[in-house]
C-alpha atoms as a PDB file:
ATOM      1  CA  MET A   1       7.545  23.824  -3.499  1.00  0.00           C
ATOM      2  CA  PHE A   2       4.514  23.738  -2.029  1.00  0.00           C
ATOM      3  CA  LEU A   3       4.067  21.140   0.596  1.00  0.00           C
ATOM      4  CA  SER A   4       1.506  18.631   1.437  1.00  0.00           C
ATOM      5  CA  ILE A   5       1.944  16.876   5.095  1.00  0.00           C
ATOM      6  CA  VAL A   6      -0.442  13.377   5.501  1.00  0.00           C
ATOM      7  CA  VAL A   7      -1.100  12.826   9.468  1.00  0.00           C
ATOM      8  CA  PRO A   8      -3.558   9.635  10.173  1.00  0.00           C
ATOM      9  CA  CYS A   9      -5.097   9.455  13.390  1.00  0.00           C
ATOM     10  CA  PHE A  10      -7.409   7.492  15.489  1.00  0.00           C
ATOM     11  CA  ASN A  11      -8.460   8.612  19.118  1.00  0.00           C
ATOM     12  CA  GLU A  12      -5.641  11.269  19.201  1.00  0.00           C
ATOM     13  CA  GLU A  13      -7.021  14.026  21.142  1.00  0.00           C
ATOM     14  CA  GLU A  14      -4.984  14.404  23.823  1.00  0.00           C
ATOM     15  CA  VAL A  15      -1.840  15.035  21.244  1.00  0.00           C
ATOM     16  CA  LEU A  16      -3.593  16.539  18.375  1.00  0.00           C
ATOM     17  CA  ARG A  17      -3.224  20.601  19.755  1.00  0.00           C
ATOM     18  CA  GLU A  18       0.484  20.422  20.313  1.00  0.00           C
ATOM     19  CA  PHE A  19       1.335  18.533  17.342  1.00  0.00           C
ATOM     20  CA  HIS A  20      -0.202  21.093  15.416  1.00  0.00           C
ATOM     21  CA  ARG A  21       1.281  23.988  17.002  1.00  0.00           C
ATOM     22  CA  GLN A  22       4.871  22.405  16.377  1.00  0.00           C
ATOM     23  CA  MET A  23       3.954  20.643  12.757  1.00  0.00           C
ATOM     24  CA  ALA A  24       2.179  24.446  11.539  1.00  0.00           C
ATOM     25  CA  ALA A  25       5.514  26.219  12.932  1.00  0.00           C
ATOM     26  CA  ALA A  26       8.216  24.171  11.351  1.00  0.00           C
ATOM     27  CA  ALA A  27       6.224  24.289   8.232  1.00  0.00           C
ATOM     28  CA  ARG A  28       6.347  27.862   8.017  1.00  0.00           C
ATOM     29  CA  ALA A  29       9.577  28.248   9.251  1.00  0.00           C
ATOM     30  CA  GLN A  30      10.663  25.988   5.652  1.00  0.00           C
ATOM     31  CA  PHE A  31       7.914  27.026   3.708  1.00  0.00           C
ATOM     32  CA  GLY A  32       6.169  29.627   4.699  1.00  0.00           C
ATOM     33  CA  GLN A  33       2.595  29.710   4.109  1.00  0.00           C
ATOM     34  CA  LYS A  34       3.368  27.302   1.550  1.00  0.00           C
ATOM     35  CA  PHE A  35       1.596  24.659   3.135  1.00  0.00           C
ATOM     36  CA  GLU A  36      -1.235  22.485   3.676  1.00  0.00           C
ATOM     37  CA  LEU A  37      -1.658  20.038   6.868  1.00  0.00           C
ATOM     38  CA  ILE A  38      -4.264  16.916   5.330  1.00  0.00           C
ATOM     39  CA  PHE A  39      -5.453  15.608   8.894  1.00  0.00           C
ATOM     40  CA  VAL A  40      -7.350  12.316   8.503  1.00  0.00           C
ATOM     41  CA  ASP A  41      -9.564  10.850  11.285  1.00  0.00           C
ATOM     42  CA  ASP A  42      -9.870   7.098  10.939  1.00  0.00           C
ATOM     43  CA  GLY A  43     -13.150   6.772  12.764  1.00  0.00           C
ATOM     44  CA  SER A  44     -11.958   7.895  15.652  1.00  0.00           C
ATOM     45  CA  ALA A  45     -14.314   6.784  18.519  1.00  0.00           C
ATOM     46  CA  ASP A  46     -13.117  10.208  21.076  1.00  0.00           C
ATOM     47  CA  ASN A  47     -13.110  13.922  20.615  1.00  0.00           C
ATOM     48  CA  THR A  48     -10.426  14.006  17.686  1.00  0.00           C
ATOM     49  CA  TRP A  49     -12.212  14.959  14.289  1.00  0.00           C
ATOM     50  CA  LYS A  50     -13.924  17.494  16.881  1.00  0.00           C
ATOM     51  CA  ILE A  51     -10.738  19.313  17.515  1.00  0.00           C
ATOM     52  CA  ILE A  52      -9.642  18.741  13.927  1.00  0.00           C
ATOM     53  CA  LYS A  53     -12.711  20.940  12.761  1.00  0.00           C
ATOM     54  CA  GLU A  54     -11.982  23.335  15.606  1.00  0.00           C
ATOM     55  CA  LEU A  55      -8.200  23.306  14.015  1.00  0.00           C
ATOM     56  CA  SER A  56      -9.537  23.820  10.250  1.00  0.00           C
ATOM     57  CA  ALA A  57     -11.391  26.471  11.237  1.00  0.00           C
ATOM     58  CA  GLU A  58      -8.872  28.017  13.351  1.00  0.00           C
ATOM     59  CA  ASP A  59      -6.681  27.650  10.354  1.00  0.00           C
ATOM     60  CA  ARG A  60      -6.442  27.705   6.595  1.00  0.00           C
ATOM     61  CA  ASN A  61      -3.934  25.458   6.387  1.00  0.00           C
ATOM     62  CA  VAL A  62      -5.963  22.614   7.967  1.00  0.00           C
ATOM     63  CA  VAL A  63      -7.834  20.509   5.838  1.00  0.00           C
ATOM     64  CA  ALA A  64     -10.099  18.241   7.867  1.00  0.00           C
ATOM     65  CA  VAL A  65     -10.763  14.768   6.217  1.00  0.00           C
ATOM     66  CA  ARG A  66     -13.051  11.820   8.104  1.00  0.00           C
ATOM     67  CA  LEU A  67     -13.094   8.549   6.882  1.00  0.00           C
ATOM     68  CA  SER A  68     -16.610   6.863   7.037  1.00  0.00           C
ATOM     69  CA  ARG A  69     -15.322   3.769   9.959  1.00  0.00           C
ATOM     70  CA  ASN A  70     -12.288   2.761  10.950  1.00  0.00           C
ATOM     71  CA  HIS A  71      -9.911   1.539   7.812  1.00  0.00           C
ATOM     72  CA  GLY A  72      -6.756   1.199   9.942  1.00  0.00           C
ATOM     73  CA  HIS A  73      -3.217   2.958   9.017  1.00  0.00           C
ATOM     74  CA  GLN A  74      -2.734   2.304   6.685  1.00  0.00           C
ATOM     75  CA  LEU A  75      -5.722   3.098   4.165  1.00  0.00           C
ATOM     76  CA  ALA A  76      -5.743   6.407   6.231  1.00  0.00           C
ATOM     77  CA  LEU A  77      -2.836   7.505   4.973  1.00  0.00           C
ATOM     78  CA  THR A  78      -3.337   6.306   1.083  1.00  0.00           C
ATOM     79  CA  ALA A  79      -6.603   8.717   1.832  1.00  0.00           C
ATOM     80  CA  GLY A  80      -4.626  11.563   2.695  1.00  0.00           C
ATOM     81  CA  LEU A  81      -2.419  10.578   0.062  1.00  0.00           C
ATOM     82  CA  SER A  82      -5.195  10.853  -2.816  1.00  0.00           C
ATOM     83  CA  THR A  83      -5.988  14.550  -1.517  1.00  0.00           C
ATOM     84  CA  VAL A  84      -2.442  15.556  -1.365  1.00  0.00           C
ATOM     85  CA  ARG A  85      -1.746  18.870  -3.546  1.00  0.00           C
ATOM     86  CA  GLY A  86       1.793  19.729  -3.511  1.00  0.00           C
ATOM     87  CA  ASP A  87       4.686  18.927  -5.020  1.00  0.00           C
ATOM     88  CA  LEU A  88       6.538  18.400  -2.025  1.00  0.00           C
ATOM     89  CA  VAL A  89       4.304  15.260   0.329  1.00  0.00           C
ATOM     90  CA  LEU A  90       5.645  14.465   4.061  1.00  0.00           C
ATOM     91  CA  VAL A  91       4.584  11.737   5.778  1.00  0.00           C
ATOM     92  CA  ILE A  92       4.207  11.427   9.803  1.00  0.00           C
ATOM     93  CA  ASP A  93       1.966  10.753  12.501  1.00  0.00           C
ATOM     94  CA  ALA A  94       0.713  12.966  15.164  1.00  0.00           C
ATOM     95  CA  ASP A  95       1.816  11.276  18.199  1.00  0.00           C
ATOM     96  CA  LEU A  96       5.072  13.129  18.511  1.00  0.00           C
ATOM     97  CA  GLN A  97       7.394  10.259  18.352  1.00  0.00           C
ATOM     98  CA  ASP A  98       8.857  11.501  14.893  1.00  0.00           C
ATOM     99  CA  PRO A  99      10.203  15.356  15.562  1.00  0.00           C
ATOM    100  CA  PRO A 100       8.248  17.717  13.064  1.00  0.00           C
ATOM    101  CA  GLU A 101      11.300  19.709  13.429  1.00  0.00           C
ATOM    102  CA  LEU A 102      13.335  17.820  11.162  1.00  0.00           C
ATOM    103  CA  LEU A 103      11.183  18.854   8.311  1.00  0.00           C
ATOM    104  CA  GLY A 104      13.853  21.487   7.532  1.00  0.00           C
ATOM    105  CA  PRO A 105      16.608  19.243   7.533  1.00  0.00           C
ATOM    106  CA  MET A 106      15.190  16.267   5.778  1.00  0.00           C
ATOM    107  CA  TYR A 107      14.165  19.020   2.814  1.00  0.00           C
ATOM    108  CA  ASP A 108      17.941  19.774   2.570  1.00  0.00           C
ATOM    109  CA  MET A 109      19.030  16.319   2.173  1.00  0.00           C
ATOM    110  CA  MET A 110      16.672  15.697  -0.497  1.00  0.00           C
ATOM    111  CA  LEU A 111      18.124  19.103  -2.644  1.00  0.00           C
ATOM    112  CA  ARG A 112      21.042  17.911  -1.713  1.00  0.00           C
ATOM    113  CA  GLU A 113      21.065  13.876  -2.335  1.00  0.00           C
ATOM    114  CA  ASP A 114      19.110  15.248  -4.838  1.00  0.00           C
ATOM    115  CA  ALA A 115      16.289  12.807  -4.368  1.00  0.00           C
ATOM    116  CA  ASP A 116      12.883  11.253  -4.236  1.00  0.00           C
ATOM    117  CA  VAL A 117      12.311  10.490  -1.167  1.00  0.00           C
ATOM    118  CA  VAL A 118      13.398  11.070   2.523  1.00  0.00           C
ATOM    119  CA  TYR A 119      12.830   7.912   4.933  1.00  0.00           C
ATOM    120  CA  GLY A 120      13.442   7.894   8.513  1.00  0.00           C
ATOM    121  CA  GLN A 121      15.841   5.616  10.364  1.00  0.00           C
ATOM    122  CA  ARG A 122      15.491   4.904  13.819  1.00  0.00           C
ATOM    123  CA  ARG A 123      19.001   5.087  15.573  1.00  0.00           C
ATOM    124  CA  SER A 124      16.678   4.778  18.663  1.00  0.00           C
ATOM    125  CA  ARG A 125      13.344   4.155  19.710  1.00  0.00           C
ATOM    126  CA  ALA A 126      12.615   5.919  23.084  1.00  0.00           C
ATOM    127  CA  GLY A 127       9.426   4.920  25.755  1.00  0.00           C
ATOM    128  CA  GLU A 128       8.519   1.003  24.271  1.00  0.00           C
ATOM    129  CA  SER A 129       9.342  -1.886  25.688  1.00  0.00           C
ATOM    130  CA  ARG A 130      12.263  -4.300  25.659  1.00  0.00           C
ATOM    131  CA  PHE A 131       9.836  -6.778  23.383  1.00  0.00           C
ATOM    132  CA  LYS A 132       8.545  -4.398  20.653  1.00  0.00           C
ATOM    133  CA  LYS A 133      12.108  -2.833  20.302  1.00  0.00           C
ATOM    134  CA  LYS A 134      13.253  -6.331  19.701  1.00  0.00           C
ATOM    135  CA  SER A 135       9.911  -8.007  17.780  1.00  0.00           C
ATOM    136  CA  ALA A 136      10.419  -5.070  15.135  1.00  0.00           C
ATOM    137  CA  GLU A 137      14.170  -5.616  15.110  1.00  0.00           C
ATOM    138  CA  THR A 138      13.351  -9.279  14.008  1.00  0.00           C
ATOM    139  CA  PHE A 139      10.582  -8.324  11.532  1.00  0.00           C
ATOM    140  CA  TYR A 140      12.816  -6.005   9.829  1.00  0.00           C
ATOM    141  CA  ARG A 141      15.398  -8.511   9.316  1.00  0.00           C
ATOM    142  CA  LEU A 142      13.556 -11.471   8.453  1.00  0.00           C
ATOM    143  CA  LEU A 143      12.291  -9.216   6.069  1.00  0.00           C
ATOM    144  CA  ALA A 144      14.960  -8.252   4.788  1.00  0.00           C
ATOM    145  CA  ASN A 145      16.039 -11.473   4.152  1.00  0.00           C
ATOM    146  CA  LEU A 146      13.053 -13.014   2.279  1.00  0.00           C
ATOM    147  CA  THR A 147      12.047 -10.492   0.137  1.00  0.00           C
ATOM    148  CA  ARG A 148      13.820  -9.051  -2.855  1.00  0.00           C
ATOM    149  CA  VAL A 149      12.369  -5.622  -2.760  1.00  0.00           C
ATOM    150  CA  SER A 150      15.265  -3.368  -0.775  1.00  0.00           C
ATOM    151  CA  ILE A 151      12.942  -2.417   2.331  1.00  0.00           C
ATOM    152  CA  PRO A 152      15.286  -0.256   4.679  1.00  0.00           C
ATOM    153  CA  VAL A 153      15.304  -1.778   8.190  1.00  0.00           C
ATOM    154  CA  ASP A 154      14.221   0.358  11.351  1.00  0.00           C
ATOM    155  CA  THR A 155      12.348   2.591   9.340  1.00  0.00           C
ATOM    156  CA  GLY A 156       8.534   3.490   9.276  1.00  0.00           C
ATOM    157  CA  ASP A 157       6.189   5.364   7.432  1.00  0.00           C
ATOM    158  CA  PHE A 158       7.681   9.093   8.413  1.00  0.00           C
ATOM    159  CA  ARG A 159       9.133  10.037   5.185  1.00  0.00           C
ATOM    160  CA  LEU A 160       9.468  13.272   2.705  1.00  0.00           C
ATOM    161  CA  MET A 161       8.596  12.539  -0.764  1.00  0.00           C
ATOM    162  CA  SER A 162       8.439  13.850  -4.285  1.00  0.00           C
ATOM    163  CA  ARG A 163       4.437  14.227  -5.635  1.00  0.00           C
ATOM    164  CA  ARG A 164       5.396  12.064  -8.259  1.00  0.00           C
ATOM    165  CA  ILE A 165       5.908   9.199  -6.214  1.00  0.00           C
ATOM    166  CA  SER A 166       3.225  10.098  -4.159  1.00  0.00           C
ATOM    167  CA  ASP A 167       0.543   9.745  -6.760  1.00  0.00           C
ATOM    168  CA  GLN A 168       2.315   6.572  -7.543  1.00  0.00           C
ATOM    169  CA  VAL A 169       1.400   4.515  -4.218  1.00  0.00           C
ATOM    170  CA  VAL A 170      -2.205   5.835  -4.701  1.00  0.00           C
ATOM    171  CA  GLN A 171      -2.537   4.452  -7.657  1.00  0.00           C
ATOM    172  CA  MET A 172      -1.032   0.641  -6.552  1.00  0.00           C
ATOM    173  CA  PRO A 173      -4.409  -1.680  -6.487  1.00  0.00           C
ATOM    174  CA  GLU A 174      -3.482  -3.165  -2.927  1.00  0.00           C
ATOM    175  CA  HIS A 175      -5.917  -3.348  -0.159  1.00  0.00           C
ATOM    176  CA  ASP A 176      -4.040  -5.120   2.729  1.00  0.00           C
ATOM    177  CA  ARG A 177      -1.373  -2.243   2.508  1.00  0.00           C
ATOM    178  CA  PHE A 178       2.434  -2.134   3.414  1.00  0.00           C
ATOM    179  CA  ILE A 179       3.037   1.338   2.004  1.00  0.00           C
ATOM    180  CA  ARG A 180       6.629   1.773   3.421  1.00  0.00           C
ATOM    181  CA  GLY A 181       7.443  -1.653   1.025  1.00  0.00           C
ATOM    182  CA  MET A 182       5.590   0.065  -1.709  1.00  0.00           C
ATOM    183  CA  VAL A 183       7.870   3.155  -1.321  1.00  0.00           C
ATOM    184  CA  ALA A 184      10.748   0.941  -1.901  1.00  0.00           C
ATOM    185  CA  TRP A 185       9.413  -1.134  -4.059  1.00  0.00           C
ATOM    186  CA  LEU A 186       8.575   2.028  -6.250  1.00  0.00           C
ATOM    187  CA  GLY A 187      12.184   2.543  -7.257  1.00  0.00           C
ATOM    188  CA  PHE A 188      14.265   6.092  -7.760  1.00  0.00           C
ATOM    189  CA  LYS A 189      16.567   7.096  -5.554  1.00  0.00           C
ATOM    190  CA  GLN A 190      16.238   6.996  -2.248  1.00  0.00           C
ATOM    191  CA  VAL A 191      18.095   8.172   1.213  1.00  0.00           C
ATOM    192  CA  ALA A 192      17.882   7.397   4.830  1.00  0.00           C
ATOM    193  CA  PHE A 193      17.835   9.931   7.348  1.00  0.00           C
ATOM    194  CA  GLU A 194      18.727   8.789  10.753  1.00  0.00           C
ATOM    195  CA  TYR A 195      17.502   9.962  13.841  1.00  0.00           C
ATOM    196  CA  ASP A 196      16.588   9.426  17.544  1.00  0.00           C
ATOM    197  CA  ARG A 197      12.555   8.752  18.044  1.00  0.00           C
ATOM    198  CA  ASN A 198      10.881   9.967  20.740  1.00  0.00           C
ATOM    199  CA  ALA A 199       8.183   8.791  23.436  1.00  0.00           C
ATOM    200  CA  ARG A 200       4.885   9.714  22.511  1.00  0.00           C
ATOM    201  CA  PHE A 201       3.500  12.827  23.685  1.00  0.00           C
ATOM    202  CA  ALA A 202       0.533  11.097  25.552  1.00  0.00           C
ATOM    203  CA  GLY A 203      -2.179   8.670  25.467  1.00  0.00           C
ATOM    204  CA  SER A 204      -1.099   5.206  24.449  1.00  0.00           C
ATOM    205  CA  THR A 205       0.179   3.142  21.526  1.00  0.00           C
ATOM    206  CA  LYS A 206      -3.172   2.658  18.079  1.00  0.00           C
ATOM    207  CA  TYR A 207      -0.759  -0.950  17.975  1.00  0.00           C
ATOM    208  CA  PRO A 208      -1.587  -3.097  20.044  1.00  0.00           C
ATOM    209  CA  LEU A 209       0.070  -7.092  19.495  1.00  0.00           C
ATOM    210  CA  THR A 210      -2.771  -8.252  17.713  1.00  0.00           C
ATOM    211  CA  LYS A 211      -2.328  -5.757  15.071  1.00  0.00           C
ATOM    212  CA  MET A 212       1.370  -5.929  15.318  1.00  0.00           C
ATOM    213  CA  ILE A 213       1.197  -9.278  13.824  1.00  0.00           C
ATOM    214  CA  GLY A 214      -0.930  -8.799  11.338  1.00  0.00           C
ATOM    215  CA  PHE A 215       0.649  -6.395   9.940  1.00  0.00           C
ATOM    216  CA  ALA A 216       3.612  -7.866   9.670  1.00  0.00           C
ATOM    217  CA  ALA A 217       1.865 -10.808   8.133  1.00  0.00           C
ATOM    218  CA  ASP A 218       0.496  -8.444   5.612  1.00  0.00           C
ATOM    219  CA  ALA A 219       4.047  -7.065   4.881  1.00  0.00           C
ATOM    220  CA  LEU A 220       5.301 -11.322   4.353  1.00  0.00           C
ATOM    221  CA  VAL A 221       2.518 -12.131   2.068  1.00  0.00           C
ATOM    222  CA  SER A 222       2.305  -8.969  -0.128  1.00  0.00           C
ATOM    223  CA  PHE A 223       6.659  -8.265  -0.367  1.00  0.00           C
ATOM    224  CA  SER A 224       8.120 -12.699  -0.015  1.00  0.00           C
ATOM    225  CA  MET A 225       7.867 -15.108  -2.467  1.00  0.00           C
ATOM    226  CA  VAL A 226       8.137 -17.543   1.096  1.00  0.00           C
ATOM    227  CA  PRO A 227       4.315 -17.984   1.273  1.00  0.00           C
ATOM    228  CA  LEU A 228       3.682 -18.709  -2.308  1.00  0.00           C
ATOM    229  CA  ARG A 229       6.172 -21.574  -2.809  1.00  0.00           C
ATOM    230  CA  ILE A 230       5.573 -23.069   0.716  1.00  0.00           C
ATOM    231  CA  ALA A 231       2.138 -23.485  -0.971  1.00  0.00           C
ATOM    232  CA  THR A 232       3.483 -24.972  -3.969  1.00  0.00           C
ATOM    233  CA  TYR A 233       5.493 -26.989  -2.242  1.00  0.00           C
ATOM    234  CA  VAL A 234       2.828 -28.615  -0.457  1.00  0.00           C
ATOM    235  CA  GLY A 235       0.771 -29.290  -3.105  1.00  0.00           C
ATOM    236  CA  ALA A 236       3.691 -31.140  -4.960  1.00  0.00           C
ATOM    237  CA  LEU A 237       3.982 -32.932  -2.208  1.00  0.00           C
ATOM    238  CA  LEU A 238      -0.043 -33.747  -1.463  1.00  0.00           C
ATOM    239  CA  THR A 239      -0.321 -34.457  -5.581  1.00  0.00           C
ATOM    240  CA  THR A 240       2.539 -37.301  -4.825  1.00  0.00           C
ATOM    241  CA  VAL A 241       0.450 -38.552  -2.363  1.00  0.00           C
ATOM    242  CA  LEU A 242      -2.710 -38.212  -4.174  1.00  0.00           C
ATOM    243  CA  THR A 243      -0.778 -41.554  -6.533  1.00  0.00           C
ATOM    244  CA  PHE A 244       0.023 -43.393  -4.670  1.00  0.00           C
ATOM    245  CA  VAL A 245      -3.857 -43.116  -2.190  1.00  0.00           C
ATOM    246  CA  GLY A 246      -5.326 -43.375  -5.357  1.00  0.00           C
ATOM    247  CA  ILE A 247      -3.339 -46.885  -6.791  1.00  0.00           C
ATOM    248  CA  GLY A 248      -4.275 -47.969  -3.227  1.00  0.00           C
ATOM    249  CA  ALA A 249      -7.670 -47.053  -3.761  1.00  0.00           C
ATOM    250  CA  VAL A 250      -8.673 -48.599  -6.564  1.00  0.00           C
ATOM    251  CA  ILE A 251      -6.768 -51.813  -5.622  1.00  0.00           C
ATOM    252  CA  SER A 252      -8.820 -51.763  -2.561  1.00  0.00           C
ATOM    253  CA  TRP A 253     -11.921 -51.390  -5.176  1.00  0.00           C
ATOM    254  CA  ILE A 254     -10.840 -54.020  -6.948  1.00  0.00           C
ATOM    255  CA  LEU A 255      -9.264 -56.990  -4.133  1.00  0.00           C
ATOM    256  CA  SER A 256     -12.007 -56.384  -1.593  1.00  0.00           C
ATOM    257  CA  GLY A 257     -15.078 -54.348  -3.450  1.00  0.00           C
ATOM    258  CA  THR A 258     -15.468 -51.747  -0.665  1.00  0.00           C
ATOM    259  CA  VAL A 259     -18.498 -49.939  -0.480  1.00  0.00           C
ATOM    260  CA  PRO A 260     -19.223 -47.706  -3.957  1.00  0.00           C
ATOM    261  CA  GLY A 261     -18.659 -44.002  -3.792  1.00  0.00           C
ATOM    262  CA  TRP A 262     -15.186 -44.531  -1.377  1.00  0.00           C
ATOM    263  CA  THR A 263     -12.094 -44.551  -3.813  1.00  0.00           C
ATOM    264  CA  SER A 264     -13.940 -41.551  -5.984  1.00  0.00           C
ATOM    265  CA  LEU A 265     -14.899 -39.648  -2.260  1.00  0.00           C
ATOM    266  CA  THR A 266     -11.104 -40.317  -1.674  1.00  0.00           C
ATOM    267  CA  LEU A 267      -9.573 -39.194  -4.817  1.00  0.00           C
ATOM    268  CA  LEU A 268     -11.662 -36.032  -5.279  1.00  0.00           C
ATOM    269  CA  VAL A 269     -10.825 -34.915  -1.315  1.00  0.00           C
ATOM    270  CA  VAL A 270      -7.002 -35.483  -2.152  1.00  0.00           C
ATOM    271  CA  MET A 271      -7.175 -34.015  -5.573  1.00  0.00           C
ATOM    272  CA  ILE A 272      -9.491 -30.743  -4.489  1.00  0.00           C
ATOM    273  CA  SER A 273      -6.412 -30.244  -1.597  1.00  0.00           C
ATOM    274  CA  SER A 274      -3.724 -30.228  -3.646  1.00  0.00           C
ATOM    275  CA  VAL A 275      -5.403 -27.970  -6.490  1.00  0.00           C
ATOM    276  CA  GLN A 276      -5.611 -25.620  -3.870  1.00  0.00           C
ATOM    277  CA  LEU A 277      -2.566 -25.077  -2.674  1.00  0.00           C
ATOM    278  CA  LEU A 278      -1.007 -25.075  -6.228  1.00  0.00           C
ATOM    279  CA  VAL A 279      -3.401 -21.717  -7.150  1.00  0.00           C
ATOM    280  CA  PHE A 280      -1.876 -18.364  -6.731  1.00  0.00           C
ATOM    281  CA  VAL A 281      -3.201 -14.826  -7.766  1.00  0.00           C
ATOM    282  CA  ILE A 282      -2.448 -13.019 -10.875  1.00  0.00           C
ATOM    283  CA  SER A 283      -1.584  -8.870  -9.191  1.00  0.00           C
ATOM    284  CA  HIS A 284      -1.196  -7.489 -12.636  1.00  0.00           C
ATOM    285  CA  ILE A 285      -1.023  -8.032 -16.536  1.00  0.00           C
ATOM    286  CA  HIS A 286       0.899  -5.482 -19.034  1.00  0.00           C
ATOM    287  CA  ARG A 287      -0.240  -5.494 -21.926  1.00  0.00           C
ATOM    288  CA  ARG A 288       0.927  -3.440 -24.637  1.00  0.00           C
ATOM    289  CA  PRO A 289      -2.300  -1.157 -25.685  1.00  0.00           C
ATOM    290  CA  ARG A 290      -4.412  -2.651 -29.266  1.00  0.00           C
ATOM    291  CA  LEU A 291      -3.773   0.282 -32.118  1.00  0.00           C
ATOM    292  CA  PRO A 292      -7.081   1.228 -33.924  1.00  0.00           C
ATOM    293  CA  ASP A 293      -8.001  -0.834 -36.732  1.00  0.00           C
ATOM    294  CA  ARG A 294      -6.871   0.636 -40.471  1.00  0.00           C
ATOM    295  CA  SER A 295     -10.510  -0.558 -42.123  1.00  0.00           C
ATOM    296  CA  PRO A 296     -13.354   1.874 -41.606  1.00  0.00           C
ATOM    297  CA  PRO A 297     -15.567   0.729 -39.555  1.00  0.00           C
ATOM    298  CA  SER A 298     -18.517  -1.481 -40.699  1.00  0.00           C
ATOM    299  CA  ALA A 299     -22.035   0.356 -41.580  1.00  0.00           C
ATOM    300  CA  SER A 300     -23.280  -1.844 -38.158  1.00  0.00           C
ATOM    301  CA  ALA A 301     -20.695  -1.123 -36.334  1.00  0.00           C
ATOM    302  CA  GLY A 302     -20.540   0.427 -32.972  1.00  0.00           C
ATOM    303  CA  ARG A 303     -24.811   0.804 -32.845  1.00  0.00           C
ATOM    304  CA  HIS A 304     -26.699   0.702 -29.825  1.00  0.00           C
ATOM    305  CA  ILE A 305     -29.657  -2.385 -29.125  1.00  0.00           C
ATOM    306  CA  SER A 306     -31.656  -0.374 -27.084  1.00  0.00           C
ATOM    307  CA  GLY A 307     -34.490   1.073 -29.457  1.00  0.00           C
ATOM    308  CA  ASN A 308     -34.462   4.283 -26.966  1.00  0.00           C
ATOM    309  CA  SER A 309     -30.674   4.799 -27.659  1.00  0.00           C
ATOM    310  CA  PRO A 310     -29.493   6.955 -30.799  1.00  0.00           C
ATOM    311  CA  SER A 311     -27.001   5.204 -32.413  1.00  0.00           C
ATOM    312  CA  PRO A 312     -23.408   6.613 -32.235  1.00  0.00           C
ATOM    313  CA  THR A 313     -22.110   8.792 -34.929  1.00  0.00           C
ATOM    314  CA  LEU A 314     -19.476   6.952 -37.075  1.00  0.00           C
ATOM    315  CA  GLN A 315     -15.949   8.458 -36.928  1.00  0.00           C
ATOM    316  CA  PRO A 316     -13.560   8.205 -40.710  1.00  0.00           C
ATOM    317  CA  ALA A 317     -10.853   5.667 -40.000  1.00  0.00           C
ATOM    318  CA  PRO A 318      -7.344   8.028 -38.683  1.00  0.00           C
ATOM    319  CA  ASP A 319      -5.204   8.415 -42.092  1.00  0.00           C
ATOM    320  CA  SER A 320      -1.535   7.069 -42.326  1.00  0.00           C
ATOM    321  CA  GLY A 321      -0.279  10.025 -41.167  1.00  0.00           C
ATOM    322  CA  ALA A 322      -2.166  10.154 -37.756  1.00  0.00           C
ATOM    323  CA  HIS A 323      -1.758   6.308 -37.494  1.00  0.00           C
ATOM    324  CA  GLU A 324       1.825   6.718 -37.751  1.00  0.00           C
ATOM    325  CA  GLU A 325       1.807   9.512 -34.740  1.00  0.00           C
ATOM    326  CA  LEU A 326      -0.523   7.465 -32.638  1.00  0.00           C
ATOM    327  CA  LEU A 327       2.714   4.901 -32.877  1.00  0.00           C
ATOM    328  CA  ASP A 328       5.358   7.114 -31.801  1.00  0.00           C
ATOM    329  CA  GLU A 329       2.856   8.322 -28.997  1.00  0.00           C
ATOM    330  CA  ILE A 330       2.116   4.502 -27.547  1.00  0.00           C
ATOM    331  CA  ALA A 331       5.999   4.023 -27.542  1.00  0.00           C
ATOM    332  CA  GLN A 332       7.120   7.183 -25.547  1.00  0.00           C
END
């Protein structure tokens, strides 16, 4: 087995070398030299990228990835997942709050349980304020009550997963990502590994209150139907109000001769407001692939309009045997 370790980094110059020492030691103890340590610099403003390049020059197992600007933790993590080469993928932050030495026990659990994902579930959170602990607890339980996806409580992105899981996460089209929820949504066998989270080794948290609120909002909007239902109910209410306002506006126009345009303007504003709240965005459309045409192509089929481009060679239609093989392949 070859292991890929993905480490998103943002202004982590104070801890990178110690993290590399501990993580590389844990990986070598379990996998020998069959691992890669992928550091993703998420547009850091300090010496993070310089240190990552130095580590890459010193250790052939280190892979250095730099984003063009700060895209946020979840997109940096996705960028790292898109470069992995291993059979297994460990996701871990560089702040040493999640102990690198847990790699071995997590791998043993994966083999024992025949699981695709072993996710870290926090028993305790050292070095964090009472407010942060309580707000995190409230968020996870609120999310569990509002979503149909079973997202484990008290978890972060610290997890060991199979390559097929990481590949699926990379291929998902979401921009505002909540990766721990996306992994849970995929299914397969996922088991919890309980551990005690450490305090930061150095530096300060990269998730202030404003980022935490934005992250929570992305999670709720992505994995809960409640916001859409609220918009639908409000839109239906406004539509009902529109009916009565429209009737009143027409009566007012007939009886009192209001200023021309007032009635139509009132109806238009209320109607647009109600329709906007009833609009939703389609995330996925699954459609069976179209089967090739059995009939031979016409003489003009496939020709380019441009006079500078040669016409492509027309291929004969597949025979019935090839057609049946294609149907079997599509069915599989």
